[in-house]
Amino acid sequence: MTAEAAYVLGLALVPLALLAGISAWADGRRPWMGGALTLAVVGLLGFAWMTAPEGGLPPLSDVPETALRLVVTAFR
């Protein structure tokens, strides 16, 4: 997995983690899935940060272009 793929996937999981945590809290349940997704997000973003070329993550404004590039690469 490339750093770009991990970065985009980690950012895509952020809303799911938030929704899972808020839903569990509203129903009075423990947020197991929200916690697991949060750990996945932290792991993916940490992996992307550590393996990124030039030592840093791209800005958030580059995420749509990067995601589109990954989708096109996957379907080639």
PDB file of N, CA and C in Angstrom:
ATOM      1  N   MET A   1       0.851  -1.170   0.000  1.00  0.00           N
ATOM      2  CA  MET A   1       0.000   0.000   0.000  1.00  0.00           C
ATOM      3  C   MET A   1       0.898   1.234   0.000  1.00  0.00           C
ATOM      4  N   THR A   2       0.560   2.171  -0.856  1.00  0.00           N
ATOM      5  CA  THR A   2       1.348   3.396  -0.927  1.00  0.00           C
ATOM      6  C   THR A   2       0.910   4.370   0.158  1.00  0.00           C
ATOM      7  N   ALA A   3       1.726   5.361   0.375  1.00  0.00           N
ATOM      8  CA  ALA A   3       1.400   6.380   1.370  1.00  0.00           C
ATOM      9  C   ALA A   3       0.156   7.153   0.950  1.00  0.00           C
ATOM     10  N   GLU A   4       0.018   7.417  -0.348  1.00  0.00           N
ATOM     11  CA  GLU A   4      -1.166   8.142  -0.827  1.00  0.00           C
ATOM     12  C   GLU A   4      -2.442   7.340  -0.590  1.00  0.00           C
ATOM     13  N   ALA A   5      -2.393   6.041  -0.858  1.00  0.00           N
ATOM     14  CA  ALA A   5      -3.567   5.189  -0.661  1.00  0.00           C
ATOM     15  C   ALA A   5      -3.950   5.124   0.818  1.00  0.00           C
ATOM     16  N   ALA A   6      -2.973   4.991   1.694  1.00  0.00           N
ATOM     17  CA  ALA A   6      -3.246   4.950   3.125  1.00  0.00           C
ATOM     18  C   ALA A   6      -3.828   6.275   3.606  1.00  0.00           C
ATOM     19  N   TYR A   7      -3.324   7.374   3.071  1.00  0.00           N
ATOM     20  CA  TYR A   7      -3.805   8.705   3.456  1.00  0.00           C
ATOM     21  C   TYR A   7      -5.261   8.897   3.050  1.00  0.00           C
ATOM     22  N   VAL A   8      -5.582   8.558   1.816  1.00  0.00           N
ATOM     23  CA  VAL A   8      -6.950   8.734   1.322  1.00  0.00           C
ATOM     24  C   VAL A   8      -7.911   7.791   2.052  1.00  0.00           C
ATOM     25  N   LEU A   9      -7.511   6.538   2.246  1.00  0.00           N
ATOM     26  CA  LEU A   9      -8.370   5.593   2.955  1.00  0.00           C
ATOM     27  C   LEU A   9      -8.571   6.009   4.411  1.00  0.00           C
ATOM     28  N   GLY A  10      -7.526   6.484   5.050  1.00  0.00           N
ATOM     29  CA  GLY A  10      -7.662   6.955   6.428  1.00  0.00           C
ATOM     30  C   GLY A  10      -8.612   8.131   6.540  1.00  0.00           C
ATOM     31  N   LEU A  11      -8.508   9.070   5.606  1.00  0.00           N
ATOM     32  CA  LEU A  11      -9.423  10.211   5.633  1.00  0.00           C
ATOM     33  C   LEU A  11     -10.848   9.807   5.296  1.00  0.00           C
ATOM     34  N   ALA A  12     -11.018   8.767   4.475  1.00  0.00           N
ATOM     35  CA  ALA A  12     -12.368   8.304   4.139  1.00  0.00           C
ATOM     36  C   ALA A  12     -13.031   7.605   5.328  1.00  0.00           C
ATOM     37  N   LEU A  13     -12.229   7.038   6.220  1.00  0.00           N
ATOM     38  CA  LEU A  13     -12.786   6.339   7.381  1.00  0.00           C
ATOM     39  C   LEU A  13     -13.137   7.271   8.543  1.00  0.00           C
ATOM     40  N   VAL A  14     -12.663   8.511   8.517  1.00  0.00           N
ATOM     41  CA  VAL A  14     -12.933   9.444   9.617  1.00  0.00           C
ATOM     42  C   VAL A  14     -14.431   9.663   9.831  1.00  0.00           C
ATOM     43  N   PRO A  15     -15.226   9.981   8.779  1.00  0.00           N
ATOM     44  CA  PRO A  15     -16.667  10.173   9.027  1.00  0.00           C
ATOM     45  C   PRO A  15     -17.356   8.907   9.515  1.00  0.00           C
ATOM     46  N   LEU A  16     -16.914   7.742   9.041  1.00  0.00           N
ATOM     47  CA  LEU A  16     -17.517   6.494   9.508  1.00  0.00           C
ATOM     48  C   LEU A  16     -17.237   6.266  10.988  1.00  0.00           C
ATOM     49  N   ALA A  17     -16.039   6.592  11.426  1.00  0.00           N
ATOM     50  CA  ALA A  17     -15.694   6.445  12.840  1.00  0.00           C
ATOM     51  C   ALA A  17     -16.530   7.389  13.700  1.00  0.00           C
ATOM     52  N   LEU A  18     -16.691   8.617  13.227  1.00  0.00           N
ATOM     53  CA  LEU A  18     -17.505   9.572  13.978  1.00  0.00           C
ATOM     54  C   LEU A  18     -18.960   9.132  14.061  1.00  0.00           C
ATOM     55  N   LEU A  19     -19.522   8.695  12.944  1.00  0.00           N
ATOM     56  CA  LEU A  19     -20.918   8.251  12.940  1.00  0.00           C
ATOM     57  C   LEU A  19     -21.128   7.025  13.816  1.00  0.00           C
ATOM     58  N   ALA A  20     -20.200   6.084  13.769  1.00  0.00           N
ATOM     59  CA  ALA A  20     -20.321   4.886  14.596  1.00  0.00           C
ATOM     60  C   ALA A  20     -20.242   5.239  16.082  1.00  0.00           C
ATOM     61  N   GLY A  21     -19.340   6.133  16.442  1.00  0.00           N
ATOM     62  CA  GLY A  21     -19.219   6.532  17.844  1.00  0.00           C
ATOM     63  C   GLY A  21     -20.422   7.301  18.345  1.00  0.00           C
ATOM     64  N   ILE A  22     -20.915   8.232  17.544  1.00  0.00           N
ATOM     65  CA  ILE A  22     -22.082   9.029  17.950  1.00  0.00           C
ATOM     66  C   ILE A  22     -23.331   8.164  18.020  1.00  0.00           C
ATOM     67  N   SER A  23     -23.487   7.250  17.067  1.00  0.00           N
ATOM     68  CA  SER A  23     -24.645   6.357  17.071  1.00  0.00           C
ATOM     69  C   SER A  23     -24.659   5.466  18.311  1.00  0.00           C
ATOM     70  N   ALA A  24     -23.518   4.907  18.645  1.00  0.00           N
ATOM     71  CA  ALA A  24     -23.436   4.057  19.834  1.00  0.00           C
ATOM     72  C   ALA A  24     -23.704   4.870  21.095  1.00  0.00           C
ATOM     73  N   TRP A  25     -23.173   6.065  21.157  1.00  0.00           N
ATOM     74  CA  TRP A  25     -23.400   6.920  22.328  1.00  0.00           C
ATOM     75  C   TRP A  25     -24.878   7.274  22.461  1.00  0.00           C
ATOM     76  N   ALA A  26     -25.540   7.579  21.345  1.00  0.00           N
ATOM     77  CA  ALA A  26     -26.955   7.949  21.386  1.00  0.00           C
ATOM     78  C   ALA A  26     -27.836   6.772  21.805  1.00  0.00           C
ATOM     79  N   ASP A  27     -27.438   5.546  21.447  1.00  0.00           N
ATOM     80  CA  ASP A  27     -28.217   4.357  21.817  1.00  0.00           C
ATOM     81  C   ASP A  27     -27.847   3.811  23.188  1.00  0.00           C
ATOM     82  N   GLY A  28     -26.856   4.396  23.831  1.00  0.00           N
ATOM     83  CA  GLY A  28     -26.433   3.939  25.144  1.00  0.00           C
ATOM     84  C   GLY A  28     -25.573   2.688  25.098  1.00  0.00           C
ATOM     85  N   ARG A  29     -24.948   2.424  23.948  1.00  0.00           N
ATOM     86  CA  ARG A  29     -24.072   1.262  23.799  1.00  0.00           C
ATOM     87  C   ARG A  29     -22.621   1.702  23.890  1.00  0.00           C
ATOM     88  N   ARG A  30     -21.736   0.741  24.012  1.00  0.00           N
ATOM     89  CA  ARG A  30     -20.303   1.053  23.991  1.00  0.00           C
ATOM     90  C   ARG A  30     -19.852   1.208  22.543  1.00  0.00           C
ATOM     91  N   PRO A  31     -19.027   2.186  22.250  1.00  0.00           N
ATOM     92  CA  PRO A  31     -18.626   2.448  20.857  1.00  0.00           C
ATOM     93  C   PRO A  31     -17.479   1.562  20.377  1.00  0.00           C
ATOM     94  N   TRP A  32     -17.700   0.254  20.295  1.00  0.00           N
ATOM     95  CA  TRP A  32     -16.650  -0.665  19.871  1.00  0.00           C
ATOM     96  C   TRP A  32     -16.224  -0.392  18.438  1.00  0.00           C
ATOM     97  N   MET A  33     -17.191  -0.277  17.548  1.00  0.00           N
ATOM     98  CA  MET A  33     -16.847  -0.077  16.145  1.00  0.00           C
ATOM     99  C   MET A  33     -16.226   1.304  15.940  1.00  0.00           C
ATOM    100  N   GLY A  34     -16.740   2.305  16.615  1.00  0.00           N
ATOM    101  CA  GLY A  34     -16.144   3.634  16.515  1.00  0.00           C
ATOM    102  C   GLY A  34     -14.701   3.649  16.990  1.00  0.00           C
ATOM    103  N   GLY A  35     -14.439   2.931  18.062  1.00  0.00           N
ATOM    104  CA  GLY A  35     -13.070   2.834  18.559  1.00  0.00           C
ATOM    105  C   GLY A  35     -12.161   2.072  17.616  1.00  0.00           C
ATOM    106  N   ALA A  36     -12.679   0.984  17.046  1.00  0.00           N
ATOM    107  CA  ALA A  36     -11.877   0.205  16.100  1.00  0.00           C
ATOM    108  C   ALA A  36     -11.580   1.017  14.841  1.00  0.00           C
ATOM    109  N   LEU A  37     -12.569   1.754  14.354  1.00  0.00           N
ATOM    110  CA  LEU A  37     -12.346   2.590  13.177  1.00  0.00           C
ATOM    111  C   LEU A  37     -11.379   3.729  13.481  1.00  0.00           C
ATOM    112  N   THR A  38     -11.449   4.272  14.679  1.00  0.00           N
ATOM    113  CA  THR A  38     -10.520   5.331  15.069  1.00  0.00           C
ATOM    114  C   THR A  38      -9.088   4.801  15.098  1.00  0.00           C
ATOM    115  N   LEU A  39      -8.916   3.593  15.617  1.00  0.00           N
ATOM    116  CA  LEU A  39      -7.579   2.983  15.613  1.00  0.00           C
ATOM    117  C   LEU A  39      -7.094   2.730  14.187  1.00  0.00           C
ATOM    118  N   ALA A  40      -8.006   2.315  13.303  1.00  0.00           N
ATOM    119  CA  ALA A  40      -7.633   2.102  11.904  1.00  0.00           C
ATOM    120  C   ALA A  40      -7.218   3.414  11.249  1.00  0.00           C
ATOM    121  N   VAL A  41      -7.957   4.483  11.537  1.00  0.00           N
ATOM    122  CA  VAL A  41      -7.627   5.801  10.979  1.00  0.00           C
ATOM    123  C   VAL A  41      -6.258   6.257  11.460  1.00  0.00           C
ATOM    124  N   VAL A  42      -6.009   6.132  12.740  1.00  0.00           N
ATOM    125  CA  VAL A  42      -4.717   6.546  13.297  1.00  0.00           C
ATOM    126  C   VAL A  42      -3.592   5.710  12.698  1.00  0.00           C
ATOM    127  N   GLY A  43      -3.813   4.415  12.554  1.00  0.00           N
ATOM    128  CA  GLY A  43      -2.797   3.549  11.973  1.00  0.00           C
ATOM    129  C   GLY A  43      -2.514   3.887  10.512  1.00  0.00           C
ATOM    130  N   LEU A  44      -3.570   4.111   9.721  1.00  0.00           N
ATOM    131  CA  LEU A  44      -3.379   4.433   8.309  1.00  0.00           C
ATOM    132  C   LEU A  44      -2.700   5.781   8.125  1.00  0.00           C
ATOM    133  N   LEU A  45      -3.138   6.781   8.890  1.00  0.00           N
ATOM    134  CA  LEU A  45      -2.518   8.099   8.763  1.00  0.00           C
ATOM    135  C   LEU A  45      -1.081   8.085   9.280  1.00  0.00           C
ATOM    136  N   GLY A  46      -0.821   7.322  10.324  1.00  0.00           N
ATOM    137  CA  GLY A  46       0.550   7.197  10.812  1.00  0.00           C
ATOM    138  C   GLY A  46       1.444   6.497   9.802  1.00  0.00           C
ATOM    139  N   PHE A  47       0.927   5.435   9.186  1.00  0.00           N
ATOM    140  CA  PHE A  47       1.688   4.744   8.144  1.00  0.00           C
ATOM    141  C   PHE A  47       1.958   5.674   6.971  1.00  0.00           C
ATOM    142  N   ALA A  48       0.942   6.437   6.564  1.00  0.00           N
ATOM    143  CA  ALA A  48       1.113   7.360   5.443  1.00  0.00           C
ATOM    144  C   ALA A  48       2.139   8.434   5.779  1.00  0.00           C
ATOM    145  N   TRP A  49       2.106   8.927   6.992  1.00  0.00           N
ATOM    146  CA  TRP A  49       3.038   9.978   7.393  1.00  0.00           C
ATOM    147  C   TRP A  49       4.479   9.457   7.437  1.00  0.00           C
ATOM    148  N   MET A  50       4.642   8.235   7.933  1.00  0.00           N
ATOM    149  CA  MET A  50       6.001   7.694   8.077  1.00  0.00           C
ATOM    150  C   MET A  50       6.608   7.254   6.744  1.00  0.00           C
ATOM    151  N   THR A  51       5.784   6.836   5.795  1.00  0.00           N
ATOM    152  CA  THR A  51       6.309   6.335   4.534  1.00  0.00           C
ATOM    153  C   THR A  51       6.165   7.323   3.387  1.00  0.00           C
ATOM    154  N   ALA A  52       5.650   8.509   3.651  1.00  0.00           N
ATOM    155  CA  ALA A  52       5.444   9.487   2.583  1.00  0.00           C
ATOM    156  C   ALA A  52       6.774  10.014   2.064  1.00  0.00           C
ATOM    157  N   PRO A  53       6.866  10.157   0.749  1.00  0.00           N
ATOM    158  CA  PRO A  53       8.072  10.795   0.224  1.00  0.00           C
ATOM    159  C   PRO A  53       8.096  12.267   0.625  1.00  0.00           C
ATOM    160  N   GLU A  54       9.229  12.844   0.701  1.00  0.00           N
ATOM    161  CA  GLU A  54       9.447  14.215   1.162  1.00  0.00           C
ATOM    162  C   GLU A  54       9.099  14.396   2.639  1.00  0.00           C
ATOM    163  N   GLY A  55       8.790  13.323   3.351  1.00  0.00           N
ATOM    164  CA  GLY A  55       8.599  13.383   4.788  1.00  0.00           C
ATOM    165  C   GLY A  55       7.346  14.054   5.283  1.00  0.00           C
ATOM    166  N   GLY A  56       6.336  14.247   4.458  1.00  0.00           N
ATOM    167  CA  GLY A  56       5.123  14.871   4.939  1.00  0.00           C
ATOM    168  C   GLY A  56       3.910  14.459   4.140  1.00  0.00           C
ATOM    169  N   LEU A  57       2.756  14.729   4.693  1.00  0.00           N
ATOM    170  CA  LEU A  57       1.507  14.407   4.025  1.00  0.00           C
ATOM    171  C   LEU A  57       1.100  15.544   3.105  1.00  0.00           C
ATOM    172  N   PRO A  58       0.403  15.222   2.018  1.00  0.00           N
ATOM    173  CA  PRO A  58      -0.070  16.290   1.141  1.00  0.00           C
ATOM    174  C   PRO A  58      -1.167  17.093   1.830  1.00  0.00           C
ATOM    175  N   PRO A  59      -1.386  18.327   1.409  1.00  0.00           N
ATOM    176  CA  PRO A  59      -2.450  19.121   2.018  1.00  0.00           C
ATOM    177  C   PRO A  59      -3.828  18.550   1.694  1.00  0.00           C
ATOM    178  N   LEU A  60      -4.819  18.901   2.496  1.00  0.00           N
ATOM    179  CA  LEU A  60      -6.173  18.390   2.283  1.00  0.00           C
ATOM    180  C   LEU A  60      -6.761  18.823   0.949  1.00  0.00           C
ATOM    181  N   SER A  61      -6.287  19.914   0.391  1.00  0.00           N
ATOM    182  CA  SER A  61      -6.807  20.364  -0.893  1.00  0.00           C
ATOM    183  C   SER A  61      -6.406  19.431  -2.036  1.00  0.00           C
ATOM    184  N   ASP A  62      -5.396  18.590  -1.832  1.00  0.00           N
ATOM    185  CA  ASP A  62      -4.957  17.645  -2.858  1.00  0.00           C
ATOM    186  C   ASP A  62      -5.642  16.285  -2.753  1.00  0.00           C
ATOM    187  N   VAL A  63      -6.485  16.081  -1.758  1.00  0.00           N
ATOM    188  CA  VAL A  63      -7.104  14.771  -1.548  1.00  0.00           C
ATOM    189  C   VAL A  63      -8.019  14.361  -2.703  1.00  0.00           C
ATOM    190  N   PRO A  64      -8.898  15.224  -3.239  1.00  0.00           N
ATOM    191  CA  PRO A  64      -9.745  14.770  -4.354  1.00  0.00           C
ATOM    192  C   PRO A  64      -8.945  14.319  -5.571  1.00  0.00           C
ATOM    193  N   GLU A  65      -7.916  15.051  -5.925  1.00  0.00           N
ATOM    194  CA  GLU A  65      -7.087  14.672  -7.065  1.00  0.00           C
ATOM    195  C   GLU A  65      -6.366  13.356  -6.794  1.00  0.00           C
ATOM    196  N   THR A  66      -5.874  13.184  -5.588  1.00  0.00           N
ATOM    197  CA  THR A  66      -5.167  11.956  -5.231  1.00  0.00           C
ATOM    198  C   THR A  66      -6.121  10.769  -5.250  1.00  0.00           C
ATOM    199  N   ALA A  67      -7.342  10.944  -4.717  1.00  0.00           N
ATOM    200  CA  ALA A  67      -8.321   9.864  -4.715  1.00  0.00           C
ATOM    201  C   ALA A  67      -8.709   9.472  -6.136  1.00  0.00           C
ATOM    202  N   LEU A  68      -8.900  10.455  -6.999  1.00  0.00           N
ATOM    203  CA  LEU A  68      -9.245  10.163  -8.383  1.00  0.00           C
ATOM    204  C   LEU A  68      -8.107   9.433  -9.084  1.00  0.00           C
ATOM    205  N   ARG A  69      -6.877   9.838  -8.813  1.00  0.00           N
ATOM    206  CA  ARG A  69      -5.727   9.166  -9.403  1.00  0.00           C
ATOM    207  C   ARG A  69      -5.648   7.707  -8.946  1.00  0.00           C
ATOM    208  N   LEU A  70      -5.969   7.443  -7.673  1.00  0.00           N
ATOM    209  CA  LEU A  70      -5.943   6.078  -7.162  1.00  0.00           C
ATOM    210  C   LEU A  70      -7.041   5.232  -7.791  1.00  0.00           C
ATOM    211  N   VAL A  71      -8.231   5.809  -8.000  1.00  0.00           N
ATOM    212  CA  VAL A  71      -9.329   5.070  -8.630  1.00  0.00           C
ATOM    213  C   VAL A  71      -8.982   4.735 -10.076  1.00  0.00           C
ATOM    214  N   VAL A  72      -8.426   5.703 -10.792  1.00  0.00           N
ATOM    215  CA  VAL A  72      -8.048   5.455 -12.184  1.00  0.00           C
ATOM    216  C   VAL A  72      -6.959   4.387 -12.260  1.00  0.00           C
ATOM    217  N   THR A  73      -6.003   4.437 -11.354  1.00  0.00           N
ATOM    218  CA  THR A  73      -4.944   3.438 -11.338  1.00  0.00           C
ATOM    219  C   THR A  73      -5.499   2.045 -11.031  1.00  0.00           C
ATOM    220  N   ALA A  74      -6.492   1.973 -10.159  1.00  0.00           N
ATOM    221  CA  ALA A  74      -7.072   0.682  -9.800  1.00  0.00           C
ATOM    222  C   ALA A  74      -7.828   0.057 -10.966  1.00  0.00           C
ATOM    223  N   PHE A  75      -8.431   0.859 -11.831  1.00  0.00           N
ATOM    224  CA  PHE A  75      -9.216   0.335 -12.943  1.00  0.00           C
ATOM    225  C   PHE A  75      -8.432   0.192 -14.233  1.00  0.00           C
ATOM    226  N   ARG A  76      -7.157   0.469 -14.247  1.00  0.00           N
ATOM    227  CA  ARG A  76      -6.337   0.268 -15.445  1.00  0.00           C
ATOM    228  C   ARG A  76      -5.981  -1.173 -15.607  1.00  0.00           C
TER     229      ARG A  76
END
